[in-house]
Amino acid sequence: MKHMARPATVARRGPPAAVFRKEIEAAEADGVHRNDMTLRLTLSDVTALKRDRDLPVADISFTGGVMRFLGVKVEQGGVAESALDRGT
């Protein structure tokens, strides 16, 4: 009988809010404007971001049908792994 390989587990980087706050701040320090950035998030990371009780309410906005985190546009789903697109 063959043993099936276990699927690889992906190590969590921490709460999406903390991870992407650092990435946004690093990009901004490199001269990238927040309006040029896009957060491309998995649906699970979007849910985690929306449910993060430690996140200040002012850090997320929903205006004109667009979700923003720290002023950066969020695209929900359609990616296998969440990432910050610096727009460069």
N, C-alpha and C. Protein backbone atom coordinates (compact mmCIF):
# COMPACT_ATOMS: atom_id res chain seq x y z
N MET A 1 0.84 -1.18 0.00
CA MET A 1 0.00 0.00 0.00
C MET A 1 0.89 1.25 0.00
N LYS A 2 0.60 2.14 -0.91
CA LYS A 2 1.37 3.38 -0.99
C LYS A 2 0.85 4.38 0.02
N HIS A 3 1.79 5.10 0.60
CA HIS A 3 1.40 6.18 1.50
C HIS A 3 1.26 7.46 0.71
N MET A 4 0.20 8.17 0.95
CA MET A 4 0.00 9.45 0.26
C MET A 4 0.82 10.52 0.95
N ALA A 5 1.42 11.35 0.15
CA ALA A 5 2.20 12.45 0.70
C ALA A 5 1.26 13.46 1.35
N ARG A 6 1.69 13.96 2.47
CA ARG A 6 0.89 15.00 3.12
C ARG A 6 1.08 16.31 2.38
N PRO A 7 0.02 17.09 2.28
CA PRO A 7 0.17 18.38 1.61
C PRO A 7 1.10 19.28 2.41
N ALA A 8 1.86 20.07 1.69
CA ALA A 8 2.77 21.01 2.36
C ALA A 8 1.96 22.03 3.14
N THR A 9 2.43 22.36 4.31
CA THR A 9 1.74 23.38 5.09
C THR A 9 2.50 24.70 4.94
N VAL A 10 1.74 25.74 4.80
CA VAL A 10 2.32 27.06 4.64
C VAL A 10 2.37 27.72 6.01
N ALA A 11 3.53 28.19 6.37
CA ALA A 11 3.68 28.86 7.66
C ALA A 11 2.97 30.20 7.62
N ARG A 12 2.17 30.48 8.62
CA ARG A 12 1.48 31.77 8.70
C ARG A 12 2.50 32.85 9.03
N ARG A 13 2.37 33.95 8.36
CA ARG A 13 3.27 35.07 8.57
C ARG A 13 2.80 35.96 9.71
N GLY A 14 1.64 35.70 10.22
CA GLY A 14 1.05 36.56 11.24
C GLY A 14 -0.24 37.13 10.71
N PRO A 15 -0.93 37.93 11.52
CA PRO A 15 -2.19 38.52 11.06
C PRO A 15 -1.95 39.39 9.82
N PRO A 16 -2.85 39.30 8.82
CA PRO A 16 -2.67 40.09 7.60
C PRO A 16 -2.48 41.59 7.87
N ALA A 17 -3.18 42.12 8.86
CA ALA A 17 -3.05 43.56 9.15
C ALA A 17 -1.62 43.92 9.52
N ALA A 18 -1.00 43.13 10.38
CA ALA A 18 0.37 43.40 10.81
C ALA A 18 1.36 43.21 9.67
N VAL A 19 1.18 42.14 8.91
CA VAL A 19 2.09 41.84 7.79
C VAL A 19 2.04 42.94 6.74
N PHE A 20 0.83 43.30 6.32
CA PHE A 20 0.71 44.27 5.24
C PHE A 20 0.93 45.70 5.69
N ARG A 21 0.73 45.99 6.95
CA ARG A 21 1.08 47.33 7.46
C ARG A 21 2.58 47.54 7.26
N LYS A 22 3.39 46.54 7.64
CA LYS A 22 4.84 46.64 7.48
C LYS A 22 5.23 46.77 6.01
N GLU A 23 4.59 45.97 5.15
CA GLU A 23 4.92 46.03 3.72
C GLU A 23 4.54 47.37 3.10
N ILE A 24 3.38 47.91 3.48
CA ILE A 24 2.95 49.21 2.97
C ILE A 24 3.91 50.31 3.44
N GLU A 25 4.27 50.27 4.71
CA GLU A 25 5.20 51.27 5.24
C GLU A 25 6.56 51.17 4.57
N ALA A 26 7.03 49.95 4.29
CA ALA A 26 8.32 49.76 3.62
C ALA A 26 8.27 50.30 2.19
N ALA A 27 7.16 50.04 1.50
CA ALA A 27 7.01 50.53 0.13
C ALA A 27 6.96 52.06 0.12
N GLU A 28 6.25 52.62 1.08
CA GLU A 28 6.17 54.08 1.18
C GLU A 28 7.54 54.67 1.47
N ALA A 29 8.33 54.02 2.32
CA ALA A 29 9.69 54.48 2.63
C ALA A 29 10.57 54.42 1.39
N ASP A 30 10.25 53.50 0.46
CA ASP A 30 10.98 53.40 -0.80
C ASP A 30 10.49 54.39 -1.85
N GLY A 31 9.52 55.23 -1.48
CA GLY A 31 9.04 56.27 -2.38
C GLY A 31 7.79 55.93 -3.17
N VAL A 32 7.15 54.80 -2.86
CA VAL A 32 5.93 54.41 -3.56
C VAL A 32 4.73 55.06 -2.87
N HIS A 33 3.87 55.70 -3.65
CA HIS A 33 2.68 56.33 -3.09
C HIS A 33 1.59 55.29 -2.86
N ARG A 34 0.84 55.47 -1.79
CA ARG A 34 -0.22 54.50 -1.45
C ARG A 34 -1.26 54.39 -2.55
N ASN A 35 -1.51 55.46 -3.29
CA ASN A 35 -2.48 55.40 -4.39
C ASN A 35 -2.00 54.51 -5.52
N ASP A 36 -0.69 54.25 -5.61
CA ASP A 36 -0.14 53.40 -6.66
C ASP A 36 -0.10 51.93 -6.24
N MET A 37 -0.30 51.65 -4.96
CA MET A 37 -0.24 50.28 -4.44
C MET A 37 -1.60 49.60 -4.52
N THR A 38 -1.57 48.27 -4.61
CA THR A 38 -2.79 47.46 -4.54
C THR A 38 -2.49 46.23 -3.70
N LEU A 39 -3.35 45.96 -2.74
CA LEU A 39 -3.25 44.74 -1.95
C LEU A 39 -4.11 43.69 -2.64
N ARG A 40 -3.49 42.62 -3.10
CA ARG A 40 -4.21 41.52 -3.73
C ARG A 40 -4.28 40.41 -2.68
N LEU A 41 -5.46 40.26 -2.08
CA LEU A 41 -5.61 39.36 -0.94
C LEU A 41 -6.46 38.14 -1.27
N THR A 42 -6.08 37.01 -0.64
CA THR A 42 -6.93 35.81 -0.71
C THR A 42 -8.21 36.14 0.05
N LEU A 43 -9.25 35.40 -0.24
CA LEU A 43 -10.51 35.63 0.46
C LEU A 43 -10.37 35.38 1.96
N SER A 44 -9.55 34.42 2.35
CA SER A 44 -9.36 34.15 3.78
C SER A 44 -8.64 35.31 4.46
N ASP A 45 -7.67 35.95 3.77
CA ASP A 45 -7.00 37.10 4.37
C ASP A 45 -7.92 38.32 4.44
N VAL A 46 -8.82 38.47 3.45
CA VAL A 46 -9.81 39.56 3.51
C VAL A 46 -10.70 39.37 4.73
N THR A 47 -11.17 38.14 4.93
CA THR A 47 -12.01 37.84 6.08
C THR A 47 -11.27 38.10 7.38
N ALA A 48 -10.02 37.66 7.47
CA ALA A 48 -9.21 37.88 8.68
C ALA A 48 -9.02 39.37 8.94
N LEU A 49 -8.79 40.14 7.89
CA LEU A 49 -8.60 41.58 8.04
C LEU A 49 -9.88 42.24 8.56
N LYS A 50 -11.02 41.84 7.99
CA LYS A 50 -12.30 42.43 8.41
C LYS A 50 -12.66 42.06 9.85
N ARG A 51 -12.21 40.90 10.31
CA ARG A 51 -12.58 40.42 11.65
C ARG A 51 -11.53 40.71 12.72
N ASP A 52 -10.44 41.34 12.35
CA ASP A 52 -9.34 41.61 13.29
C ASP A 52 -9.80 42.62 14.34
N ARG A 53 -9.99 42.15 15.56
CA ARG A 53 -10.49 43.02 16.64
C ARG A 53 -9.46 44.02 17.13
N ASP A 54 -8.18 43.78 16.83
CA ASP A 54 -7.12 44.69 17.25
C ASP A 54 -6.87 45.81 16.25
N LEU A 55 -7.53 45.74 15.11
CA LEU A 55 -7.34 46.71 14.05
C LEU A 55 -8.21 47.95 14.29
N PRO A 56 -7.59 49.14 14.33
CA PRO A 56 -8.40 50.35 14.49
C PRO A 56 -9.39 50.49 13.33
N VAL A 57 -10.59 50.90 13.64
CA VAL A 57 -11.65 51.05 12.64
C VAL A 57 -11.21 51.98 11.51
N ALA A 58 -10.43 52.98 11.82
CA ALA A 58 -9.98 53.95 10.83
C ALA A 58 -9.03 53.36 9.79
N ASP A 59 -8.48 52.17 10.05
CA ASP A 59 -7.51 51.56 9.12
C ASP A 59 -8.17 50.93 7.90
N ILE A 60 -9.47 50.62 7.99
CA ILE A 60 -10.19 50.03 6.86
C ILE A 60 -11.33 50.96 6.46
N SER A 61 -11.49 51.15 5.16
CA SER A 61 -12.62 51.95 4.69
C SER A 61 -13.29 51.23 3.52
N PHE A 62 -14.56 51.50 3.36
CA PHE A 62 -15.36 50.96 2.27
C PHE A 62 -16.13 52.13 1.66
N THR A 63 -15.57 52.73 0.61
CA THR A 63 -16.24 53.84 -0.04
C THR A 63 -16.29 53.58 -1.54
N GLY A 64 -17.43 53.90 -2.12
CA GLY A 64 -17.60 53.72 -3.56
C GLY A 64 -17.43 52.28 -4.00
N GLY A 65 -17.74 51.33 -3.11
CA GLY A 65 -17.62 49.92 -3.46
C GLY A 65 -16.19 49.40 -3.44
N VAL A 66 -15.26 50.21 -2.92
CA VAL A 66 -13.85 49.82 -2.88
C VAL A 66 -13.40 49.70 -1.42
N MET A 67 -12.82 48.55 -1.10
CA MET A 67 -12.23 48.36 0.23
C MET A 67 -10.80 48.89 0.19
N ARG A 68 -10.42 49.61 1.24
CA ARG A 68 -9.05 50.11 1.37
C ARG A 68 -8.53 49.77 2.75
N PHE A 69 -7.24 49.42 2.81
CA PHE A 69 -6.56 49.19 4.07
C PHE A 69 -5.41 50.18 4.12
N LEU A 70 -5.42 51.06 5.11
CA LEU A 70 -4.42 52.12 5.26
C LEU A 70 -4.31 52.97 4.00
N GLY A 71 -5.45 53.14 3.33
CA GLY A 71 -5.48 53.96 2.12
C GLY A 71 -5.09 53.23 0.84
N VAL A 72 -4.76 51.93 0.95
CA VAL A 72 -4.36 51.13 -0.20
C VAL A 72 -5.55 50.30 -0.68
N LYS A 73 -5.83 50.35 -1.97
CA LYS A 73 -6.93 49.60 -2.56
C LYS A 73 -6.71 48.10 -2.34
N VAL A 74 -7.80 47.40 -1.98
CA VAL A 74 -7.76 45.95 -1.76
C VAL A 74 -8.55 45.27 -2.87
N GLU A 75 -7.91 44.32 -3.55
CA GLU A 75 -8.60 43.44 -4.50
C GLU A 75 -8.80 42.11 -3.79
N GLN A 76 -10.04 41.66 -3.77
CA GLN A 76 -10.41 40.48 -2.99
C GLN A 76 -10.49 39.23 -3.86
N GLY A 77 -9.72 38.21 -3.48
CA GLY A 77 -9.78 36.92 -4.15
C GLY A 77 -9.04 36.90 -5.48
N GLY A 78 -9.06 35.72 -6.10
CA GLY A 78 -8.42 35.57 -7.40
C GLY A 78 -6.92 35.36 -7.34
N VAL A 79 -6.37 35.21 -6.13
CA VAL A 79 -4.93 34.96 -5.97
C VAL A 79 -4.74 33.77 -5.04
N ALA A 80 -3.65 33.04 -5.26
CA ALA A 80 -3.34 31.89 -4.41
C ALA A 80 -2.65 32.33 -3.12
N GLU A 81 -1.96 33.46 -3.18
CA GLU A 81 -1.26 33.99 -2.01
C GLU A 81 -1.39 35.51 -2.01
N SER A 82 -1.66 36.06 -0.85
CA SER A 82 -1.80 37.50 -0.72
C SER A 82 -0.47 38.20 -0.94
N ALA A 83 -0.54 39.38 -1.57
CA ALA A 83 0.68 40.13 -1.85
C ALA A 83 0.36 41.60 -2.03
N LEU A 84 1.36 42.43 -1.76
CA LEU A 84 1.26 43.87 -2.03
C LEU A 84 1.87 44.14 -3.37
N ASP A 85 1.08 44.70 -4.28
CA ASP A 85 1.57 45.13 -5.59
C ASP A 85 1.96 46.59 -5.43
N ARG A 86 3.22 46.88 -5.61
CA ARG A 86 3.73 48.25 -5.44
C ARG A 86 3.40 49.14 -6.63
N GLY A 87 2.87 48.57 -7.69
CA GLY A 87 2.49 49.38 -8.86
C GLY A 87 3.67 49.81 -9.70
N THR A 88 4.81 49.16 -9.51
CA THR A 88 6.00 49.53 -10.30
C THR A 88 6.30 48.50 -11.35
